[in-house]
Amino acid sequence: MRELFTRASFVCAGLLASLSPGLMAQGFFEDAQGKLTLRNYYFNDGYRDGGADRKEWAQGFLLNLQSGYTEGTVGFGLDALGLAGLKLDSSPTHAGTGLLPVHGDGHAANEYSSLGVTAKMRIGDAVVKTGTLLPKIPVLVHNDGRLLPQTLRGTQIEYSGVSNLYLHAGHLDQFKQRNSTNSVDIYPQGYNGNKGSGFDFAGATYRFTPNLSGTWYYGEMREFYRQQFLGLVHKQPLGPGNLTSDLRYFISSEAGVARNGKVDSDMFSGLFTYRLGAQALGLGYQKVSGDTALPYTSGATVYSFSNAGVGKFILAGEQTWMLRYDYDFAAVLPGLSFMTRYYKGENGDYKGREAREWESDTNLRYVVQDSTLKGLGVELRKATYRSTYASDRDNYRLYLTYDIALW
């Protein structure tokens, strides 16, 4: 197991150690939370073009420990995130699902683990964190689509001292892929060089009315690309139900020496969802403008509605239609939910030729609501993906999850 701490983490840890036990007990321990999450994942990615299917089964453990803050004008705290994965079934022929690391000989690792520590400090309405972070912001969304989450290292500050306003800024310098224990400098998806970079970001969300909020974020991967995001979310009653309009716009260009080449990509992504009782129907449209695909951090996900089970639908010039339907069976069987969605992308540019793709996803999930197994989740996912430029795939996933509150 490798452990990676920033200098600031050591400084804050030292400050905590210097505080009296009585002072620390007044919030540091009293407000602490601990949770162990168990994830049992089976992943089967079938290739229709004759390639070997990717099939693996693994068990994951996520230990999340969060302290409260010490008393006083400035409060200190410390969080820890322990991650471990165990191989249950894999072979060199079918490895590479992203659940487990793969050695040079093609065999998946029997186990892998890492520990992340985050020091935090609260001053009034501002919270500073440094160490292991799990950002979920429009310009960088960490990936949690496999056994263990992608983690990043850096420092961020959040401020909520103005009514209806949230401010957020920070710097990230390294990350670990979701199936790796190695920390590397940040680089964009598709980059084949050996020079990583840092990632700076700043953003704000303001609630104009109880039903309307706006978000702006700026992110820059030094020497690679910069990206701005503008978003609006509006909710309003409509007939017997309510309509949610979620509009997102990205503006991307190269930064510095542009190590990964030219970046020229704007993207609009919008989804309109009408909810009536247990049902919800969504219709969306997305358009990428410019000469290049939308850039994003390696291994991360994209903050768009087209970030599907297999495809992302973000090629240069690509326009995508989206249709989604959700149903909550709470009235019949509490804890059971169903989702299905369809994407159709066309007019994309892939290495100078037109690209078309479509995908359908269906998820069925059940979470036990009572008894000794309360909180146990079972989810079955199926994705069908067809493309003119990538491998056709039939994807099946079975997830078993269970959260255990430690205190």
Protein backbone atom coordinates (compact mmCIF):
# COMPACT_ATOMS: atom_id res chain seq x y z
CA MET A 1 0.00 0.00 0.00
CA ARG A 2 1.27 3.45 -0.88
CA GLU A 3 0.45 6.49 1.22
CA LEU A 4 0.66 9.98 -0.20
CA PHE A 5 0.39 13.11 1.91
CA THR A 6 0.83 16.74 0.97
CA ARG A 7 3.04 19.01 3.05
CA ALA A 8 -0.05 20.85 4.25
CA SER A 9 -1.52 17.56 5.47
CA PHE A 10 1.48 17.02 7.72
CA VAL A 11 1.29 20.60 9.00
CA CYS A 12 -2.39 20.31 9.91
CA ALA A 13 -1.86 16.88 11.44
CA GLY A 14 0.88 18.36 13.60
CA LEU A 15 -1.39 21.16 14.73
CA LEU A 16 -4.05 18.64 15.68
CA ALA A 17 -1.57 16.60 17.67
CA SER A 18 -0.54 19.70 19.60
CA LEU A 19 -4.08 20.45 20.76
CA SER A 20 -5.26 19.34 24.16
CA PRO A 21 -7.46 16.20 24.32
CA GLY A 22 -10.22 18.23 25.98
CA LEU A 23 -10.33 20.78 23.18
CA MET A 24 -10.34 18.10 20.49
CA ALA A 25 -13.19 16.23 22.16
CA GLN A 26 -15.42 19.30 21.86
CA GLY A 27 -16.28 18.63 18.24
CA PHE A 28 -13.36 16.77 16.70
CA PHE A 29 -14.52 13.42 18.05
CA GLU A 30 -18.13 14.24 18.93
CA ASP A 31 -19.01 15.19 15.34
CA ALA A 32 -16.96 12.45 13.72
CA GLN A 33 -18.50 10.04 11.23
CA GLY A 34 -17.30 6.69 9.97
CA LYS A 35 -18.68 4.47 7.21
CA LEU A 36 -17.56 1.25 5.54
CA THR A 37 -18.95 0.66 2.05
CA LEU A 38 -18.83 -2.81 0.52
CA ARG A 39 -18.99 -3.11 -3.27
CA ASN A 40 -19.25 -6.42 -5.08
CA TYR A 41 -19.10 -5.82 -8.86
CA TYR A 42 -19.38 -8.17 -11.81
CA PHE A 43 -18.54 -6.57 -15.14
CA ASN A 44 -19.04 -8.16 -18.57
CA ASP A 45 -18.16 -6.10 -21.64
CA GLY A 46 -18.93 -8.06 -24.81
CA TYR A 47 -17.33 -7.00 -28.12
CA ARG A 48 -19.40 -7.68 -31.23
CA ASP A 49 -16.49 -7.23 -33.66
CA GLY A 50 -14.75 -10.44 -32.62
CA GLY A 51 -12.53 -9.04 -29.90
CA ALA A 52 -12.17 -10.87 -26.60
CA ASP A 53 -14.89 -10.04 -24.08
CA ARG A 54 -13.78 -8.32 -20.90
CA LYS A 55 -15.16 -10.09 -17.85
CA GLU A 56 -14.11 -9.65 -14.21
CA TRP A 57 -15.57 -9.97 -10.73
CA ALA A 58 -14.17 -8.14 -7.72
CA GLN A 59 -14.88 -7.06 -4.14
CA GLY A 60 -14.23 -3.51 -3.00
CA PHE A 61 -13.93 -1.91 0.44
CA LEU A 62 -14.23 1.85 1.00
CA LEU A 63 -13.49 3.08 4.52
CA ASN A 64 -14.50 6.73 4.93
CA LEU A 65 -13.56 8.40 8.24
CA GLN A 66 -14.43 12.06 8.80
CA SER A 67 -13.67 13.99 11.96
CA GLY A 68 -15.53 17.03 13.20
CA TYR A 69 -13.70 20.31 13.87
CA THR A 70 -11.89 21.43 16.99
CA GLU A 71 -13.48 24.26 18.95
CA GLY A 72 -12.39 27.86 18.49
CA THR A 73 -12.32 30.60 15.91
CA VAL A 74 -10.29 28.33 13.67
CA GLY A 75 -11.30 24.66 13.72
CA PHE A 76 -9.14 21.81 12.49
CA GLY A 77 -10.12 18.34 11.32
CA LEU A 78 -8.79 15.30 9.55
CA ASP A 79 -10.41 12.83 7.14
CA ALA A 80 -9.15 9.49 5.84
CA LEU A 81 -10.23 7.40 2.86
CA GLY A 82 -9.03 3.79 2.76
CA LEU A 83 -9.62 1.88 -0.48
CA ALA A 84 -9.03 -1.81 -1.17
CA GLY A 85 -10.00 -4.17 -3.99
CA LEU A 86 -9.83 -7.97 -4.16
CA LYS A 87 -9.93 -10.11 -7.28
CA LEU A 88 -12.66 -12.75 -7.26
CA ASP A 89 -12.48 -13.83 -10.90
CA SER A 90 -10.32 -12.73 -13.82
CA SER A 91 -8.10 -14.14 -16.56
CA PRO A 92 -5.54 -12.63 -18.95
CA THR A 93 -7.91 -13.22 -21.87
CA HIS A 94 -10.73 -11.23 -20.29
CA ALA A 95 -8.93 -8.70 -18.03
CA GLY A 96 -9.09 -4.94 -18.54
CA THR A 97 -12.57 -4.02 -17.36
CA GLY A 98 -11.24 -1.23 -15.14
CA LEU A 99 -12.13 -3.07 -11.94
CA LEU A 100 -8.58 -4.26 -11.25
CA PRO A 101 -5.01 -3.25 -12.14
CA VAL A 102 -3.44 -5.37 -14.90
CA HIS A 103 0.21 -6.44 -14.73
CA GLY A 104 2.56 -6.54 -17.70
CA ASP A 105 1.94 -10.28 -18.18
CA GLY A 106 -1.78 -9.65 -18.67
CA HIS A 107 -2.86 -10.99 -15.27
CA ALA A 108 -5.00 -8.83 -13.01
CA ALA A 109 -3.69 -8.02 -9.53
CA ASN A 110 -4.99 -10.21 -6.71
CA GLU A 111 -5.49 -7.13 -4.55
CA TYR A 112 -4.70 -3.43 -4.47
CA SER A 113 -5.18 -0.71 -1.89
CA SER A 114 -4.44 2.90 -1.10
CA LEU A 115 -4.90 5.41 1.69
CA GLY A 116 -5.80 9.06 1.26
CA VAL A 117 -5.66 11.65 4.05
CA THR A 118 -7.28 15.08 3.96
CA ALA A 119 -6.52 17.85 6.44
CA LYS A 120 -9.25 20.47 6.81
CA MET A 121 -9.66 23.83 8.46
CA ARG A 122 -12.81 25.86 9.10
CA ILE A 123 -12.72 29.65 9.51
CA GLY A 124 -16.19 31.08 9.85
CA ASP A 125 -18.06 30.18 6.66
CA ALA A 126 -14.94 29.08 4.80
CA VAL A 127 -13.59 25.52 4.70
CA VAL A 128 -10.12 24.69 3.41
CA LYS A 129 -9.19 21.10 2.55
CA THR A 130 -5.85 19.74 1.41
CA GLY A 131 -4.86 16.19 0.56
CA THR A 132 -7.09 13.58 -1.08
CA LEU A 133 -10.12 15.09 -2.80
CA LEU A 134 -13.08 13.74 -4.78
CA PRO A 135 -14.07 16.74 -6.92
CA LYS A 136 -17.46 16.79 -8.57
CA ILE A 137 -17.51 20.11 -10.37
CA PRO A 138 -18.53 20.88 -13.96
CA VAL A 139 -14.94 21.18 -15.22
CA LEU A 140 -13.70 18.02 -13.45
CA VAL A 141 -15.84 15.13 -12.21
CA HIS A 142 -13.96 12.27 -10.55
CA ASN A 143 -14.84 8.84 -11.91
CA ASP A 144 -16.68 6.46 -9.60
CA GLY A 145 -18.00 4.04 -12.21
CA ARG A 146 -16.03 0.94 -11.23
CA LEU A 147 -14.95 -0.82 -8.04
CA LEU A 148 -13.12 2.10 -6.40
CA PRO A 149 -13.28 5.82 -7.13
CA GLN A 150 -10.68 7.89 -8.92
CA THR A 151 -9.02 10.18 -6.36
CA LEU A 152 -7.14 13.45 -6.79
CA ARG A 153 -4.65 15.34 -4.66
CA GLY A 154 -4.73 19.07 -4.07
CA THR A 155 -6.13 21.96 -2.07
CA GLN A 156 -9.52 23.65 -2.26
CA ILE A 157 -11.50 26.34 -0.45
CA GLU A 158 -15.28 26.59 -0.17
CA TYR A 159 -17.16 29.65 1.05
CA SER A 160 -20.90 29.95 1.83
CA GLY A 161 -21.02 33.12 3.93
CA VAL A 162 -23.23 35.09 1.51
CA SER A 163 -26.88 34.19 1.29
CA ASN A 164 -27.70 32.04 -1.75
CA LEU A 165 -24.08 32.14 -2.95
CA TYR A 166 -21.51 29.31 -2.98
CA LEU A 167 -17.87 29.99 -3.95
CA HIS A 168 -15.29 27.33 -4.71
CA ALA A 169 -11.66 27.40 -5.86
CA GLY A 170 -8.61 25.18 -5.76
CA HIS A 171 -5.57 23.56 -7.31
CA LEU A 172 -5.07 19.86 -8.10
CA ASP A 173 -1.70 18.39 -8.96
CA GLN A 174 -1.96 14.58 -9.05
CA PHE A 175 -4.49 11.77 -9.37
CA LYS A 176 -4.90 8.01 -9.11
CA GLN A 177 -6.92 6.13 -11.69
CA ARG A 178 -9.85 4.13 -10.34
CA ASN A 179 -7.91 0.83 -10.71
CA SER A 180 -4.46 2.05 -9.70
CA THR A 181 -2.46 2.89 -6.59
CA ASN A 182 0.04 5.10 -8.43
CA SER A 183 -0.23 8.88 -8.21
CA VAL A 184 0.67 10.72 -11.41
CA ASP A 185 0.55 14.31 -12.61
CA ILE A 186 -2.78 15.31 -14.16
CA TYR A 187 -3.12 15.04 -17.94
CA PRO A 188 -6.03 15.07 -20.41
CA GLN A 189 -7.81 12.02 -21.80
CA GLY A 190 -6.09 10.79 -24.96
CA TYR A 191 -2.69 12.33 -24.18
CA ASN A 192 0.23 10.02 -25.04
CA GLY A 193 3.10 12.17 -23.79
CA ASN A 194 4.96 12.00 -20.49
CA LYS A 195 4.50 15.53 -19.13
CA GLY A 196 1.59 16.02 -16.77
CA SER A 197 0.44 19.27 -15.27
CA GLY A 198 -1.56 20.96 -12.56
CA PHE A 199 -5.23 21.87 -12.69
CA ASP A 200 -6.60 25.18 -11.34
CA PHE A 201 -10.28 25.90 -10.92
CA ALA A 202 -12.69 28.49 -9.56
CA GLY A 203 -16.45 28.69 -9.62
CA ALA A 204 -19.65 29.98 -8.12
CA THR A 205 -23.27 28.95 -7.81
CA TYR A 206 -25.98 31.51 -7.08
CA ARG A 207 -29.64 30.81 -6.32
CA PHE A 208 -31.59 33.65 -7.92
CA THR A 209 -34.96 32.33 -6.73
CA PRO A 210 -36.06 29.16 -4.95
CA ASN A 211 -36.58 27.64 -8.42
CA LEU A 212 -33.69 29.12 -10.43
CA SER A 213 -29.95 28.75 -9.91
CA GLY A 214 -26.93 29.58 -12.06
CA THR A 215 -23.41 28.16 -12.02
CA TRP A 216 -20.10 29.34 -13.50
CA TYR A 217 -16.80 27.46 -13.36
CA TYR A 218 -13.37 27.96 -14.88
CA GLY A 219 -10.77 25.22 -15.10
CA GLU A 220 -7.30 25.22 -16.60
CA MET A 221 -4.98 22.29 -17.07
CA ARG A 222 -1.69 24.12 -17.36
CA GLU A 223 0.02 23.74 -20.74
CA PHE A 224 -2.95 21.77 -22.10
CA TYR A 225 -6.36 23.42 -22.15
CA ARG A 226 -8.71 25.84 -20.41
CA GLN A 227 -12.45 25.45 -20.05
CA GLN A 228 -15.37 27.60 -18.90
CA PHE A 229 -18.77 26.31 -17.87
CA LEU A 230 -22.08 28.14 -17.64
CA GLY A 231 -25.19 26.43 -16.33
CA LEU A 232 -28.80 27.19 -15.43
CA VAL A 233 -31.27 24.97 -13.58
CA HIS A 234 -34.93 25.94 -13.39
CA LYS A 235 -37.80 24.07 -11.76
CA GLN A 236 -41.45 24.98 -12.14
CA PRO A 237 -44.89 23.41 -11.65
CA LEU A 238 -46.54 22.42 -14.90
CA GLY A 239 -50.02 20.95 -14.78
CA PRO A 240 -50.20 18.10 -12.24
CA GLY A 241 -46.40 17.63 -12.30
CA ASN A 242 -43.26 19.74 -12.50
CA LEU A 243 -40.70 20.51 -15.20
CA THR A 244 -36.94 20.78 -14.62
CA SER A 245 -34.82 22.53 -17.25
CA ASP A 246 -31.08 21.92 -16.96
CA LEU A 247 -28.90 23.84 -19.46
CA ARG A 248 -25.11 23.51 -19.66
CA TYR A 249 -22.56 25.20 -21.91
CA PHE A 250 -18.81 24.56 -22.17
CA ILE A 251 -16.20 26.77 -23.86
CA SER A 252 -12.79 25.11 -24.34
CA SER A 253 -9.50 26.24 -25.89
CA GLU A 254 -5.81 25.38 -25.62
CA ALA A 255 -3.61 26.76 -22.83
CA GLY A 256 0.12 27.42 -22.68
CA VAL A 257 2.13 25.30 -25.11
CA ALA A 258 -0.89 23.02 -25.77
CA ARG A 259 1.02 19.76 -25.27
CA ASN A 260 -1.92 17.71 -26.55
CA GLY A 261 -2.46 19.88 -29.62
CA LYS A 262 -5.12 22.36 -30.65
CA VAL A 263 -8.28 22.67 -28.56
CA ASP A 264 -11.33 24.32 -30.11
CA SER A 265 -14.57 23.02 -28.68
CA ASP A 266 -17.80 24.55 -27.41
CA MET A 267 -20.60 22.28 -26.23
CA PHE A 268 -24.24 22.88 -25.37
CA SER A 269 -26.00 20.19 -23.37
CA GLY A 270 -29.60 20.49 -22.23
CA LEU A 271 -32.15 18.19 -20.62
CA PHE A 272 -35.83 18.88 -19.93
CA THR A 273 -37.44 16.50 -17.46
CA TYR A 274 -41.14 16.31 -16.64
CA ARG A 275 -41.95 14.48 -13.41
CA LEU A 276 -45.44 13.28 -12.59
CA GLY A 277 -45.83 11.17 -9.47
CA ALA A 278 -43.57 8.13 -9.70
CA GLN A 279 -42.67 8.74 -13.34
CA ALA A 280 -40.20 11.07 -15.05
CA LEU A 281 -39.67 11.63 -18.76
CA GLY A 282 -36.63 13.51 -20.06
CA LEU A 283 -35.77 14.84 -23.51
CA GLY A 284 -32.34 16.27 -24.23
CA TYR A 285 -30.16 17.66 -26.99
CA GLN A 286 -26.41 18.18 -27.20
CA LYS A 287 -24.21 19.87 -29.80
CA VAL A 288 -20.42 20.09 -29.99
CA SER A 289 -19.12 23.02 -32.06
CA GLY A 290 -15.53 23.59 -33.13
CA ASP A 291 -12.69 21.57 -34.64
CA THR A 292 -11.90 19.25 -31.72
CA ALA A 293 -13.68 16.99 -29.25
CA LEU A 294 -14.50 18.23 -25.75
CA PRO A 295 -11.37 17.91 -23.55
CA TYR A 296 -11.49 16.40 -20.06
CA THR A 297 -9.18 14.95 -17.43
CA SER A 298 -7.87 11.43 -17.99
CA GLY A 299 -10.00 8.79 -16.31
CA ALA A 300 -12.62 11.32 -15.22
CA THR A 301 -16.21 11.64 -16.39
CA VAL A 302 -17.83 14.48 -18.31
CA TYR A 303 -20.44 16.76 -16.75
CA SER A 304 -22.99 16.21 -19.48
CA PHE A 305 -26.14 14.16 -19.86
CA SER A 306 -24.45 12.11 -22.59
CA ASN A 307 -21.90 10.57 -20.23
CA ALA A 308 -23.51 7.18 -20.73
CA GLY A 309 -22.57 3.65 -19.69
CA VAL A 310 -20.18 3.18 -22.64
CA GLY A 311 -20.04 6.27 -24.88
CA LYS A 312 -19.66 9.98 -24.18
CA PHE A 313 -20.91 11.54 -27.45
CA ILE A 314 -18.48 14.48 -27.42
CA LEU A 315 -16.73 14.28 -30.80
CA ALA A 316 -16.10 17.45 -32.81
CA GLY A 317 -19.29 18.52 -34.56
CA GLU A 318 -21.39 15.78 -32.97
CA GLN A 319 -25.03 16.40 -32.20
CA THR A 320 -26.91 14.03 -29.92
CA TRP A 321 -30.55 13.45 -29.05
CA MET A 322 -31.38 11.95 -25.67
CA LEU A 323 -34.52 10.32 -24.30
CA ARG A 324 -34.85 9.07 -20.72
CA TYR A 325 -37.59 7.45 -18.62
CA ASP A 326 -37.55 6.77 -14.85
CA TYR A 327 -40.05 4.98 -12.65
CA ASP A 328 -40.07 4.70 -8.85
CA PHE A 329 -41.96 1.64 -7.61
CA ALA A 330 -42.28 3.05 -4.05
CA ALA A 331 -46.06 2.56 -4.02
CA VAL A 332 -45.67 -1.11 -4.96
CA LEU A 333 -42.26 -2.10 -3.62
CA PRO A 334 -40.35 0.62 -1.74
CA GLY A 335 -36.70 0.70 -2.75
CA LEU A 336 -37.23 -0.52 -6.32
CA SER A 337 -36.47 1.86 -9.21
CA PHE A 338 -36.11 1.58 -12.97
CA MET A 339 -34.36 3.74 -15.57
CA THR A 340 -33.95 3.46 -19.32
CA ARG A 341 -32.40 5.96 -21.75
CA TYR A 342 -31.41 6.23 -25.39
CA TYR A 343 -28.77 8.34 -27.15
CA LYS A 344 -28.29 8.94 -30.86
CA GLY A 345 -25.23 10.85 -32.03
CA GLU A 346 -24.48 11.87 -35.59
CA ASN A 347 -22.35 14.25 -37.70
CA GLY A 348 -19.32 13.68 -35.48
CA ASP A 349 -15.79 14.02 -36.84
CA TYR A 350 -13.41 11.16 -36.02
CA LYS A 351 -10.00 11.52 -37.66
CA GLY A 352 -11.49 13.23 -40.67
CA ARG A 353 -14.43 10.91 -41.29
CA GLU A 354 -18.04 11.13 -40.22
CA ALA A 355 -18.91 9.27 -37.04
CA ARG A 356 -22.29 8.05 -35.87
CA GLU A 357 -23.15 6.20 -32.69
CA TRP A 358 -26.08 5.20 -30.52
CA GLU A 359 -26.53 3.66 -27.09
CA SER A 360 -29.34 2.35 -24.94
CA ASP A 361 -28.97 1.90 -21.16
CA THR A 362 -31.32 0.13 -18.77
CA ASN A 363 -30.88 0.01 -14.99
CA LEU A 364 -32.96 -1.85 -12.41
CA ARG A 365 -32.07 -1.18 -8.75
CA TYR A 366 -33.43 -2.37 -5.43
CA VAL A 367 -32.39 -1.23 -1.95
CA VAL A 368 -33.63 -3.17 1.07
CA GLN A 369 -35.67 -0.78 3.23
CA ASP A 370 -35.87 -2.71 6.51
CA SER A 371 -34.84 -5.93 8.29
CA THR A 372 -31.25 -6.80 9.15
CA LEU A 373 -30.25 -6.25 5.51
CA LYS A 374 -31.49 -2.66 5.44
CA GLY A 375 -29.36 -0.64 3.03
CA LEU A 376 -28.27 -3.58 0.89
CA GLY A 377 -28.42 -2.52 -2.76
CA VAL A 378 -28.69 -4.74 -5.83
CA GLU A 379 -28.41 -3.16 -9.28
CA LEU A 380 -28.43 -4.68 -12.76
CA ARG A 381 -27.25 -2.56 -15.69
CA LYS A 382 -27.30 -3.31 -19.39
CA ALA A 383 -25.87 -1.11 -22.13
CA THR A 384 -25.96 -1.65 -25.88
CA TYR A 385 -23.54 0.50 -27.91
CA ARG A 386 -23.13 0.70 -31.67
CA SER A 387 -20.72 2.97 -33.55
CA THR A 388 -19.16 3.59 -36.96
CA TYR A 389 -15.74 4.39 -35.44
CA ALA A 390 -15.44 2.27 -32.27
CA SER A 391 -16.15 -1.32 -31.25
CA ASP A 392 -19.79 -2.39 -30.93
CA ARG A 393 -20.40 -3.55 -27.38
CA ASP A 394 -23.02 -5.25 -25.21
CA ASN A 395 -22.29 -4.38 -21.61
CA TYR A 396 -23.70 -6.11 -18.49
CA ARG A 397 -22.99 -5.15 -14.89
CA LEU A 398 -24.21 -6.49 -11.57
CA TYR A 399 -23.60 -4.37 -8.47
CA LEU A 400 -24.09 -5.38 -4.83
CA THR A 401 -23.50 -2.55 -2.36
CA TYR A 402 -23.81 -2.24 1.39
CA ASP A 403 -23.06 0.70 3.71
CA ILE A 404 -22.14 0.06 7.34
CA ALA A 405 -22.21 3.03 9.73
CA LEU A 406 -19.31 2.57 12.16
CA TRP A 407 -20.51 5.22 14.61
